[in-house]
Amino acid sequence: MKEGAAYRFFRVARVPLILLFIALTALSLAELGRLRTDFGFHSLFEKSAGLDRLIAYKQTYGEDVNLLIVSARAPGGVFTPGALARIDALTRFLEARPEIHRVTSLTKVDVIRSREDELAVEPFMASVPQEGAALAALREEALASRQLRRYLVSDDATVSAVIGEFKGHLENRDAIIEATEQWIARDAAAARPGGAKVALFLGGLNVIQRAYEKASSQDIVRNGVAIFLVMGVILFLQYRSVAGVVLPLLASLVSLALVLGLMAVTGEPINMVSQVVPELILILGVADGV
């Protein structure tokens, strides 16, 4: 039987090709640490002609996903010296972060007040007051203000929001969220004898998206391991040999490493669509290996 050109090539060059394949697999495994996840809609429309205009519009006028929101809850009300001091400390922390463009809170917001025959735009509070009468006046003003009520303070004045606006478009989202989480943890651990009981909670759409990305990444790993184990059991029951189990699974793992390594090298993240790729490669790779 006459050999084809392709067959002759692979037969003659099989050793260099095997070595090249091993080298590519090793390189892919080494690059897996650079693999990113991005479950935002921007990763799906990176080549869209209108995406840049949409991002520019949102950078100009803002959007919910560009906000970092920390809720401060005080059962005794946020209009106490202790609660306002903690809100002010968090405000100053976020203002000092290079990722944050602007911070809005009860201690960092301008309001419109009438002064005799004119209107004045001035800070809601110049500093945290210590007198009960001044605090009561601020509470009354905040609850009567459409600008502050249900925006920075709840109807019962037990919850207040500290809102940080990102610079750019989520470029340093993870860094500032992690830093804020650490600040909240240190604040909660700080001893305050007789101090106000204030609980801080991190929120916002970007925080939810980050948590979703983490959960999805963990699901990818768990599902991959489950598929790997199930396929191993099925192969063992079918072939009753080590080679019948190892070779198909090895083919799937090598294919998975090559694909994910290539995604890491090219900077292509795992998104809402491509998150099913690892499971598909494992399943189809085992079927093809058999």
Protein backbone atom coordinates (compact mmCIF):
# COMPACT_ATOMS: atom_id res chain seq x y z
CA MET A 1 0.00 0.00 0.00
CA LYS A 2 1.44 3.36 -1.04
CA GLU A 3 2.13 5.82 1.80
CA GLY A 4 0.74 9.33 1.54
CA ALA A 5 2.96 12.42 1.95
CA ALA A 6 1.31 13.39 5.23
CA TYR A 7 1.75 9.89 6.65
CA ARG A 8 5.42 9.82 5.66
CA PHE A 9 5.97 13.24 7.24
CA PHE A 10 4.45 12.28 10.58
CA ARG A 11 6.27 8.94 10.58
CA VAL A 12 9.67 10.53 9.93
CA ALA A 13 9.17 13.56 12.19
CA ARG A 14 7.27 11.84 14.99
CA VAL A 15 9.99 12.37 17.62
CA PRO A 16 10.40 16.15 17.00
CA LEU A 17 6.61 16.51 16.87
CA ILE A 18 6.19 14.68 20.16
CA LEU A 19 8.86 16.85 21.77
CA LEU A 20 7.22 20.00 20.36
CA PHE A 21 3.85 18.84 21.67
CA ILE A 22 5.31 18.21 25.14
CA ALA A 23 7.00 21.63 25.11
CA LEU A 24 3.76 23.38 24.13
CA THR A 25 1.87 21.53 26.85
CA ALA A 26 4.46 22.51 29.48
CA LEU A 27 4.36 26.14 28.31
CA SER A 28 0.56 26.13 28.48
CA LEU A 29 0.62 24.77 32.04
CA ALA A 30 3.14 27.45 33.04
CA GLU A 31 0.88 30.21 31.64
CA LEU A 32 -2.34 29.07 33.33
CA GLY A 33 -1.69 31.45 36.22
CA ARG A 34 -2.33 34.37 33.86
CA LEU A 35 -5.77 33.15 32.87
CA ARG A 36 -8.46 35.73 33.66
CA THR A 37 -12.20 35.60 34.14
CA ASP A 38 -14.50 38.36 32.97
CA PHE A 39 -18.24 37.84 33.19
CA GLY A 40 -19.15 41.42 32.32
CA PHE A 41 -20.85 42.14 29.02
CA HIS A 42 -17.88 44.18 27.76
CA SER A 43 -15.81 41.04 27.18
CA LEU A 44 -18.49 39.79 24.77
CA PHE A 45 -18.53 42.98 22.69
CA GLU A 46 -14.89 44.04 22.60
CA LYS A 47 -14.96 44.32 18.79
CA SER A 48 -18.23 46.25 18.69
CA ALA A 49 -17.94 49.61 16.97
CA GLY A 50 -20.21 51.28 19.53
CA LEU A 51 -18.54 49.94 22.67
CA ASP A 52 -16.03 52.79 22.97
CA ARG A 53 -18.81 55.37 22.74
CA LEU A 54 -20.84 53.50 25.35
CA ILE A 55 -17.87 53.37 27.74
CA ALA A 56 -17.15 57.08 27.16
CA TYR A 57 -20.78 57.93 27.91
CA LYS A 58 -20.78 55.92 31.12
CA GLN A 59 -17.46 57.42 32.21
CA THR A 60 -18.99 60.88 31.74
CA TYR A 61 -22.38 60.30 33.30
CA GLY A 62 -21.62 57.34 35.54
CA GLU A 63 -23.23 53.92 35.95
CA ASP A 64 -24.11 51.67 38.85
CA VAL A 65 -21.42 49.13 38.01
CA ASN A 66 -18.77 51.86 38.37
CA LEU A 67 -19.73 52.43 41.99
CA LEU A 68 -18.38 50.91 45.17
CA ILE A 69 -21.07 51.09 47.85
CA VAL A 70 -20.48 50.52 51.55
CA SER A 71 -23.52 50.48 53.83
CA ALA A 72 -23.08 51.50 57.46
CA ARG A 73 -25.77 50.12 59.75
CA ALA A 74 -26.18 51.42 63.29
CA PRO A 75 -29.14 50.11 65.32
CA GLY A 76 -29.09 53.28 67.37
CA GLY A 77 -29.00 55.52 64.31
CA VAL A 78 -26.13 56.84 62.21
CA PHE A 79 -26.43 60.36 63.60
CA THR A 80 -24.18 59.76 66.58
CA PRO A 81 -20.58 60.96 67.01
CA GLY A 82 -19.23 57.39 66.88
CA ALA A 83 -21.16 56.32 63.79
CA LEU A 84 -20.41 59.51 61.86
CA ALA A 85 -16.73 59.27 62.83
CA ARG A 86 -16.53 55.80 61.30
CA ILE A 87 -18.34 56.93 58.17
CA ASP A 88 -15.91 59.82 57.92
CA ALA A 89 -12.90 57.53 58.41
CA LEU A 90 -14.12 55.24 55.61
CA THR A 91 -14.75 58.26 53.41
CA ARG A 92 -11.19 59.50 53.92
CA PHE A 93 -9.82 56.02 53.23
CA LEU A 94 -11.62 55.79 49.88
CA GLU A 95 -10.65 59.36 48.94
CA ALA A 96 -6.99 58.44 49.39
CA ARG A 97 -7.24 55.48 47.01
CA PRO A 98 -5.90 56.19 43.49
CA GLU A 99 -8.63 54.01 41.93
CA ILE A 100 -11.43 56.24 43.28
CA HIS A 101 -12.49 59.39 41.46
CA ARG A 102 -15.04 60.72 43.92
CA VAL A 103 -16.60 59.75 47.26
CA THR A 104 -20.04 60.73 48.50
CA SER A 105 -21.20 60.22 52.08
CA LEU A 106 -22.93 62.09 54.88
CA THR A 107 -19.59 63.68 55.79
CA LYS A 108 -18.69 64.41 52.15
CA VAL A 109 -21.71 65.79 50.34
CA ASP A 110 -22.92 69.24 49.41
CA VAL A 111 -26.52 70.31 50.00
CA ILE A 112 -28.60 73.33 49.01
CA ARG A 113 -29.66 75.54 51.89
CA SER A 114 -31.55 78.80 51.92
CA ARG A 115 -29.72 81.73 53.46
CA GLU A 116 -32.07 84.68 53.84
CA ASP A 117 -32.71 85.82 50.25
CA GLU A 118 -30.33 83.42 48.53
CA LEU A 119 -29.55 79.77 48.10
CA ALA A 120 -26.20 78.40 49.21
CA VAL A 121 -24.47 75.17 48.19
CA GLU A 122 -22.38 74.02 51.12
CA PRO A 123 -21.20 70.85 52.88
CA PHE A 124 -23.89 68.97 54.77
CA MET A 125 -21.53 68.99 57.75
CA ALA A 126 -18.18 70.74 58.02
CA SER A 127 -17.07 68.33 60.75
CA VAL A 128 -18.62 65.63 62.91
CA PRO A 129 -20.58 67.40 65.65
CA GLN A 130 -20.49 66.17 69.22
CA GLU A 131 -23.53 67.95 70.65
CA GLY A 132 -26.87 66.19 70.71
CA ALA A 133 -28.78 69.23 69.46
CA ALA A 134 -26.56 69.60 66.39
CA LEU A 135 -26.83 65.88 65.61
CA ALA A 136 -30.61 65.97 65.95
CA ALA A 137 -30.78 68.96 63.60
CA LEU A 138 -28.68 67.14 60.98
CA ARG A 139 -30.86 64.04 61.27
CA GLU A 140 -34.01 66.09 60.81
CA GLU A 141 -32.54 67.89 57.81
CA ALA A 142 -31.35 64.65 56.18
CA LEU A 143 -34.72 62.93 56.53
CA ALA A 144 -36.47 65.99 55.11
CA SER A 145 -34.09 66.23 52.14
CA ARG A 146 -34.98 64.53 48.85
CA GLN A 147 -31.30 64.75 48.01
CA LEU A 148 -30.17 62.66 51.00
CA ARG A 149 -33.10 60.51 52.09
CA ARG A 150 -33.14 57.07 50.41
CA TYR A 151 -29.83 57.97 48.76
CA LEU A 152 -27.34 58.41 51.59
CA VAL A 153 -29.57 57.69 54.55
CA SER A 154 -32.49 55.30 55.12
CA ASP A 155 -35.98 56.35 56.19
CA ASP A 156 -35.29 55.44 59.81
CA ALA A 157 -31.74 56.89 59.77
CA THR A 158 -30.20 53.59 60.87
CA VAL A 159 -28.39 52.93 57.58
CA SER A 160 -26.14 55.23 55.60
CA ALA A 161 -24.23 54.74 52.36
CA VAL A 162 -20.66 55.64 51.43
CA ILE A 163 -20.38 55.68 47.64
CA GLY A 164 -17.08 55.61 45.78
CA GLU A 165 -16.91 56.19 42.02
CA PHE A 166 -14.18 54.40 40.08
CA LYS A 167 -11.73 56.15 37.82
CA GLY A 168 -11.81 54.73 34.31
CA HIS A 169 -13.86 51.62 33.70
CA LEU A 170 -13.29 49.00 36.40
CA GLU A 171 -9.56 48.87 35.64
CA ASN A 172 -8.60 48.35 39.28
CA ARG A 173 -11.84 46.95 40.60
CA ASP A 174 -10.41 43.92 42.39
CA ALA A 175 -7.63 45.92 44.08
CA ILE A 176 -9.95 48.51 45.63
CA ILE A 177 -12.57 45.93 46.63
CA GLU A 178 -9.95 43.81 48.39
CA ALA A 179 -8.46 46.89 50.07
CA THR A 180 -11.90 47.99 51.26
CA GLU A 181 -12.69 44.50 52.57
CA GLN A 182 -9.43 44.56 54.54
CA TRP A 183 -10.22 48.04 55.90
CA ILE A 184 -13.69 46.89 57.01
CA ALA A 185 -12.17 43.81 58.69
CA ARG A 186 -9.63 45.95 60.58
CA ASP A 187 -12.37 48.37 61.56
CA ALA A 188 -14.55 45.55 62.88
CA ALA A 189 -11.64 44.10 64.87
CA ALA A 190 -10.69 47.45 66.43
CA ALA A 191 -11.60 47.70 70.11
CA ARG A 192 -13.95 50.58 70.89
CA PRO A 193 -14.98 50.52 74.54
CA GLY A 194 -18.39 52.13 74.77
CA GLY A 195 -18.27 53.01 71.09
CA ALA A 196 -21.13 53.02 68.63
CA LYS A 197 -22.18 49.66 67.21
CA VAL A 198 -21.77 50.12 63.46
CA ALA A 199 -21.67 47.26 60.96
CA LEU A 200 -20.18 47.92 57.51
CA PHE A 201 -21.31 45.97 54.44
CA LEU A 202 -19.71 46.10 51.00
CA GLY A 203 -22.10 46.20 48.04
CA GLY A 204 -22.69 47.39 44.50
CA LEU A 205 -23.09 45.65 41.15
CA ASN A 206 -19.33 45.29 40.65
CA VAL A 207 -19.01 43.52 44.01
CA ILE A 208 -21.79 41.12 43.01
CA GLN A 209 -20.11 40.54 39.64
CA ARG A 210 -16.77 39.84 41.32
CA ALA A 211 -18.43 37.35 43.67
CA TYR A 212 -20.12 35.72 40.66
CA GLU A 213 -16.77 35.42 38.89
CA LYS A 214 -15.24 33.73 41.93
CA ALA A 215 -18.17 31.34 42.28
CA SER A 216 -18.09 30.53 38.56
CA SER A 217 -14.35 29.86 38.67
CA GLN A 218 -14.87 27.48 41.60
CA ASP A 219 -17.73 25.79 39.73
CA ILE A 220 -15.50 25.28 36.68
CA VAL A 221 -12.92 23.51 38.85
CA ARG A 222 -15.51 21.43 40.73
CA ASN A 223 -17.35 20.42 37.56
CA GLY A 224 -14.09 19.57 35.83
CA VAL A 225 -12.98 17.32 38.68
CA ALA A 226 -16.42 15.66 38.83
CA ILE A 227 -16.43 15.03 35.06
CA PHE A 228 -12.87 13.69 35.23
CA LEU A 229 -13.75 11.23 38.01
CA VAL A 230 -17.01 10.09 36.41
CA MET A 231 -15.34 9.53 33.04
CA GLY A 232 -12.53 7.62 34.76
CA VAL A 233 -15.01 5.28 36.43
CA ILE A 234 -16.89 4.73 33.17
CA LEU A 235 -13.67 4.01 31.27
CA PHE A 236 -12.54 1.55 33.92
CA LEU A 237 -15.86 -0.29 33.84
CA GLN A 238 -15.68 -0.38 30.04
CA TYR A 239 -12.06 -1.41 29.44
CA ARG A 240 -10.85 -2.86 32.76
CA SER A 241 -7.29 -1.68 32.04
CA VAL A 242 -5.00 1.14 33.14
CA ALA A 243 -4.26 2.17 29.56
CA GLY A 244 -7.97 2.33 28.73
CA VAL A 245 -8.44 4.82 31.55
CA VAL A 246 -5.23 6.84 31.48
CA LEU A 247 -4.81 7.46 27.73
CA PRO A 248 -8.27 9.02 27.00
CA LEU A 249 -8.13 11.12 30.18
CA LEU A 250 -4.58 12.23 29.40
CA ALA A 251 -5.64 13.29 25.90
CA SER A 252 -8.43 15.41 27.41
CA LEU A 253 -6.16 17.01 30.02
CA VAL A 254 -3.50 17.87 27.44
CA SER A 255 -6.12 19.41 25.12
CA LEU A 256 -7.56 21.40 28.03
CA ALA A 257 -4.11 22.67 29.04
CA LEU A 258 -3.34 23.76 25.47
CA VAL A 259 -6.61 25.64 25.03
CA LEU A 260 -6.52 27.40 28.42
CA GLY A 261 -2.80 28.16 28.03
CA LEU A 262 -3.44 29.75 24.64
CA MET A 263 -6.25 31.84 26.16
CA ALA A 264 -3.89 32.98 28.92
CA VAL A 265 -1.09 33.89 26.47
CA THR A 266 -3.42 35.86 24.18
CA GLY A 267 -5.16 37.58 27.11
CA GLU A 268 -8.55 36.10 26.22
CA PRO A 269 -10.59 35.79 29.44
CA ILE A 270 -13.09 33.11 30.36
CA ASN A 271 -16.47 34.80 29.92
CA MET A 272 -20.11 33.85 30.24
CA VAL A 273 -19.98 31.87 26.99
CA SER A 274 -16.54 30.26 27.16
CA GLN A 275 -16.94 29.07 30.77
CA VAL A 276 -18.40 25.82 29.41
CA VAL A 277 -15.30 25.13 27.28
CA PRO A 278 -13.34 23.16 29.95
CA GLU A 279 -16.24 20.76 30.51
CA LEU A 280 -16.77 20.30 26.76
CA ILE A 281 -13.08 19.63 26.16
CA LEU A 282 -13.00 16.99 28.89
CA ILE A 283 -16.09 15.22 27.60
CA LEU A 284 -15.29 15.41 23.87
CA GLY A 285 -11.59 14.71 24.48
CA VAL A 286 -12.36 11.45 26.28
CA ALA A 287 -14.79 10.41 23.50
CA ASP A 288 -12.19 11.18 20.83
CA GLY A 289 -9.43 9.43 22.81
CA VAL A 290 -11.52 6.28 23.01
